[in-house]
Amino acid sequence: MSGPPSPLIENYLRGAVFWHVANIGQGCKLDLKLINAFVEK
């Protein structure tokens, strides 16, 4: 995924204290499997 994250995952990132990950600049990729693992904990 490049660019800003989907609004669908922004709330999960906020809730999991990973909001800084959501603010990564364009061209970076988010590892959704890793984010899901953190959110599930």
PDB file of N, CA and C in Angstrom:
ATOM      1  N   MET A   1       0.859  -1.162   0.000  1.00  0.00           N
ATOM      2  CA  MET A   1       0.000   0.000   0.000  1.00  0.00           C
ATOM      3  C   MET A   1       0.905   1.224   0.000  1.00  0.00           C
ATOM      4  N   SER A   2       0.695   2.129  -0.891  1.00  0.00           N
ATOM      5  CA  SER A   2       1.473   3.352  -0.893  1.00  0.00           C
ATOM      6  C   SER A   2       0.555   4.528  -0.611  1.00  0.00           C
ATOM      7  N   GLY A   3       1.131   5.601  -0.153  1.00  0.00           N
ATOM      8  CA  GLY A   3       0.333   6.767   0.177  1.00  0.00           C
ATOM      9  C   GLY A   3      -0.297   6.629   1.543  1.00  0.00           C
ATOM     10  N   PRO A   4      -1.213   7.508   1.856  1.00  0.00           N
ATOM     11  CA  PRO A   4      -1.859   7.454   3.165  1.00  0.00           C
ATOM     12  C   PRO A   4      -2.675   6.176   3.321  1.00  0.00           C
ATOM     13  N   PRO A   5      -2.807   5.695   4.542  1.00  0.00           N
ATOM     14  CA  PRO A   5      -3.569   4.470   4.756  1.00  0.00           C
ATOM     15  C   PRO A   5      -5.053   4.676   4.504  1.00  0.00           C
ATOM     16  N   SER A   6      -5.718   3.598   4.273  1.00  0.00           N
ATOM     17  CA  SER A   6      -7.160   3.618   4.069  1.00  0.00           C
ATOM     18  C   SER A   6      -7.851   4.111   5.335  1.00  0.00           C
ATOM     19  N   PRO A   7      -8.904   4.909   5.184  1.00  0.00           N
ATOM     20  CA  PRO A   7      -9.669   5.333   6.363  1.00  0.00           C
ATOM     21  C   PRO A   7     -10.229   4.147   7.143  1.00  0.00           C
ATOM     22  N   LEU A   8     -10.352   2.999   6.497  1.00  0.00           N
ATOM     23  CA  LEU A   8     -10.886   1.817   7.170  1.00  0.00           C
ATOM     24  C   LEU A   8      -9.971   1.328   8.282  1.00  0.00           C
ATOM     25  N   ILE A   9      -8.659   1.561   8.148  1.00  0.00           N
ATOM     26  CA  ILE A   9      -7.759   1.076   9.193  1.00  0.00           C
ATOM     27  C   ILE A   9      -7.297   2.172  10.140  1.00  0.00           C
ATOM     28  N   GLU A  10      -7.623   3.434   9.843  1.00  0.00           N
ATOM     29  CA  GLU A  10      -7.159   4.527  10.704  1.00  0.00           C
ATOM     30  C   GLU A  10      -7.632   4.364  12.143  1.00  0.00           C
ATOM     31  N   ASN A  11      -8.890   3.988  12.342  1.00  0.00           N
ATOM     32  CA  ASN A  11      -9.400   3.828  13.707  1.00  0.00           C
ATOM     33  C   ASN A  11      -8.701   2.696  14.436  1.00  0.00           C
ATOM     34  N   TYR A  12      -8.382   1.616  13.720  1.00  0.00           N
ATOM     35  CA  TYR A  12      -7.660   0.515  14.350  1.00  0.00           C
ATOM     36  C   TYR A  12      -6.263   0.953  14.756  1.00  0.00           C
ATOM     37  N   LEU A  13      -5.611   1.727  13.890  1.00  0.00           N
ATOM     38  CA  LEU A  13      -4.278   2.219  14.217  1.00  0.00           C
ATOM     39  C   LEU A  13      -4.324   3.146  15.428  1.00  0.00           C
ATOM     40  N   ARG A  14      -5.315   4.016  15.469  1.00  0.00           N
ATOM     41  CA  ARG A  14      -5.458   4.924  16.619  1.00  0.00           C
ATOM     42  C   ARG A  14      -5.688   4.126  17.895  1.00  0.00           C
ATOM     43  N   GLY A  15      -6.584   3.156  17.824  1.00  0.00           N
ATOM     44  CA  GLY A  15      -6.921   2.361  18.996  1.00  0.00           C
ATOM     45  C   GLY A  15      -5.767   1.512  19.488  1.00  0.00           C
ATOM     46  N   ALA A  16      -4.884   1.146  18.602  1.00  0.00           N
ATOM     47  CA  ALA A  16      -3.752   0.304  18.963  1.00  0.00           C
ATOM     48  C   ALA A  16      -2.497   1.131  19.230  1.00  0.00           C
ATOM     49  N   VAL A  17      -2.646   2.435  19.359  1.00  0.00           N
ATOM     50  CA  VAL A  17      -1.535   3.353  19.608  1.00  0.00           C
ATOM     51  C   VAL A  17      -0.489   3.245  18.499  1.00  0.00           C
ATOM     52  N   PHE A  18      -0.939   3.019  17.283  1.00  0.00           N
ATOM     53  CA  PHE A  18      -0.046   2.973  16.131  1.00  0.00           C
ATOM     54  C   PHE A  18      -0.399   4.087  15.167  1.00  0.00           C
ATOM     55  N   TRP A  19      -0.937   5.189  15.682  1.00  0.00           N
ATOM     56  CA  TRP A  19      -1.349   6.270  14.804  1.00  0.00           C
ATOM     57  C   TRP A  19      -0.172   6.838  14.040  1.00  0.00           C
ATOM     58  N   HIS A  20       1.032   6.820  14.646  1.00  0.00           N
ATOM     59  CA  HIS A  20       2.210   7.320  13.935  1.00  0.00           C
ATOM     60  C   HIS A  20       2.460   6.515  12.668  1.00  0.00           C
ATOM     61  N   VAL A  21       2.095   5.244  12.662  1.00  0.00           N
ATOM     62  CA  VAL A  21       2.243   4.413  11.464  1.00  0.00           C
ATOM     63  C   VAL A  21       1.321   4.915  10.363  1.00  0.00           C
ATOM     64  N   ALA A  22       0.158   5.393  10.744  1.00  0.00           N
ATOM     65  CA  ALA A  22      -0.802   5.882   9.758  1.00  0.00           C
ATOM     66  C   ALA A  22      -0.325   7.161   9.089  1.00  0.00           C
ATOM     67  N   ASN A  23       0.610   7.840   9.705  1.00  0.00           N
ATOM     68  CA  ASN A  23       1.094   9.109   9.176  1.00  0.00           C
ATOM     69  C   ASN A  23       2.377   8.971   8.366  1.00  0.00           C
ATOM     70  N   ILE A  24       2.747   7.766   7.983  1.00  0.00           N
ATOM     71  CA  ILE A  24       3.941   7.549   7.164  1.00  0.00           C
ATOM     72  C   ILE A  24       3.746   8.240   5.822  1.00  0.00           C
ATOM     73  N   GLY A  25       4.808   8.829   5.320  1.00  0.00           N
ATOM     74  CA  GLY A  25       4.729   9.558   4.049  1.00  0.00           C
ATOM     75  C   GLY A  25       4.411   8.667   2.866  1.00  0.00           C
ATOM     76  N   GLN A  26       4.075   9.289   1.763  1.00  0.00           N
ATOM     77  CA  GLN A  26       3.722   8.552   0.550  1.00  0.00           C
ATOM     78  C   GLN A  26       4.919   7.745   0.061  1.00  0.00           C
ATOM     79  N   GLY A  27       4.625   6.637  -0.574  1.00  0.00           N
ATOM     80  CA  GLY A  27       5.668   5.781  -1.119  1.00  0.00           C
ATOM     81  C   GLY A  27       6.088   4.683  -0.160  1.00  0.00           C
ATOM     82  N   CYS A  28       5.680   4.766   1.098  1.00  0.00           N
ATOM     83  CA  CYS A  28       5.999   3.728   2.066  1.00  0.00           C
ATOM     84  C   CYS A  28       4.893   2.686   2.048  1.00  0.00           C
ATOM     85  N   LYS A  29       5.250   1.493   2.452  1.00  0.00           N
ATOM     86  CA  LYS A  29       4.253   0.430   2.492  1.00  0.00           C
ATOM     87  C   LYS A  29       3.970   0.061   3.938  1.00  0.00           C
ATOM     88  N   LEU A  30       2.714  -0.151   4.230  1.00  0.00           N
ATOM     89  CA  LEU A  30       2.319  -0.635   5.540  1.00  0.00           C
ATOM     90  C   LEU A  30       2.199  -2.149   5.468  1.00  0.00           C
ATOM     91  N   ASP A  31       2.748  -2.832   6.453  1.00  0.00           N
ATOM     92  CA  ASP A  31       2.634  -4.279   6.525  1.00  0.00           C
ATOM     93  C   ASP A  31       1.344  -4.598   7.273  1.00  0.00           C
ATOM     94  N   LEU A  32       0.288  -4.854   6.507  1.00  0.00           N
ATOM     95  CA  LEU A  32      -1.023  -5.063   7.122  1.00  0.00           C
ATOM     96  C   LEU A  32      -1.058  -6.281   8.032  1.00  0.00           C
ATOM     97  N   LYS A  33      -0.295  -7.321   7.716  1.00  0.00           N
ATOM     98  CA  LYS A  33      -0.252  -8.498   8.591  1.00  0.00           C
ATOM     99  C   LYS A  33       0.345  -8.130   9.941  1.00  0.00           C
ATOM    100  N   LEU A  34       1.399  -7.319   9.917  1.00  0.00           N
ATOM    101  CA  LEU A  34       2.018  -6.886  11.163  1.00  0.00           C
ATOM    102  C   LEU A  34       1.071  -6.000  11.960  1.00  0.00           C
ATOM    103  N   ILE A  35       0.407  -5.074  11.299  1.00  0.00           N
ATOM    104  CA  ILE A  35      -0.552  -4.201  11.977  1.00  0.00           C
ATOM    105  C   ILE A  35      -1.682  -5.027  12.573  1.00  0.00           C
ATOM    106  N   ASN A  36      -2.193  -5.997  11.831  1.00  0.00           N
ATOM    107  CA  ASN A  36      -3.263  -6.857  12.346  1.00  0.00           C
ATOM    108  C   ASN A  36      -2.807  -7.618  13.583  1.00  0.00           C
ATOM    109  N   ALA A  37      -1.567  -8.092  13.578  1.00  0.00           N
ATOM    110  CA  ALA A  37      -1.045  -8.817  14.733  1.00  0.00           C
ATOM    111  C   ALA A  37      -1.004  -7.914  15.961  1.00  0.00           C
ATOM    112  N   PHE A  38      -0.579  -6.656  15.789  1.00  0.00           N
ATOM    113  CA  PHE A  38      -0.545  -5.722  16.908  1.00  0.00           C
ATOM    114  C   PHE A  38      -1.950  -5.374  17.381  1.00  0.00           C
ATOM    115  N   VAL A  39      -2.871  -5.192  16.457  1.00  0.00           N
ATOM    116  CA  VAL A  39      -4.238  -4.822  16.809  1.00  0.00           C
ATOM    117  C   VAL A  39      -4.907  -5.953  17.586  1.00  0.00           C
ATOM    118  N   GLU A  40      -4.623  -7.194  17.220  1.00  0.00           N
ATOM    119  CA  GLU A  40      -5.237  -8.335  17.895  1.00  0.00           C
ATOM    120  C   GLU A  40      -4.743  -8.493  19.323  1.00  0.00           C
ATOM    121  N   LYS A  41      -3.538  -8.004  19.628  1.00  0.00           N
ATOM    122  CA  LYS A  41      -3.011  -8.097  20.998  1.00  0.00           C
ATOM    123  C   LYS A  41      -3.682  -7.097  21.823  1.00  0.00           C
TER     124      LYS A  41
END
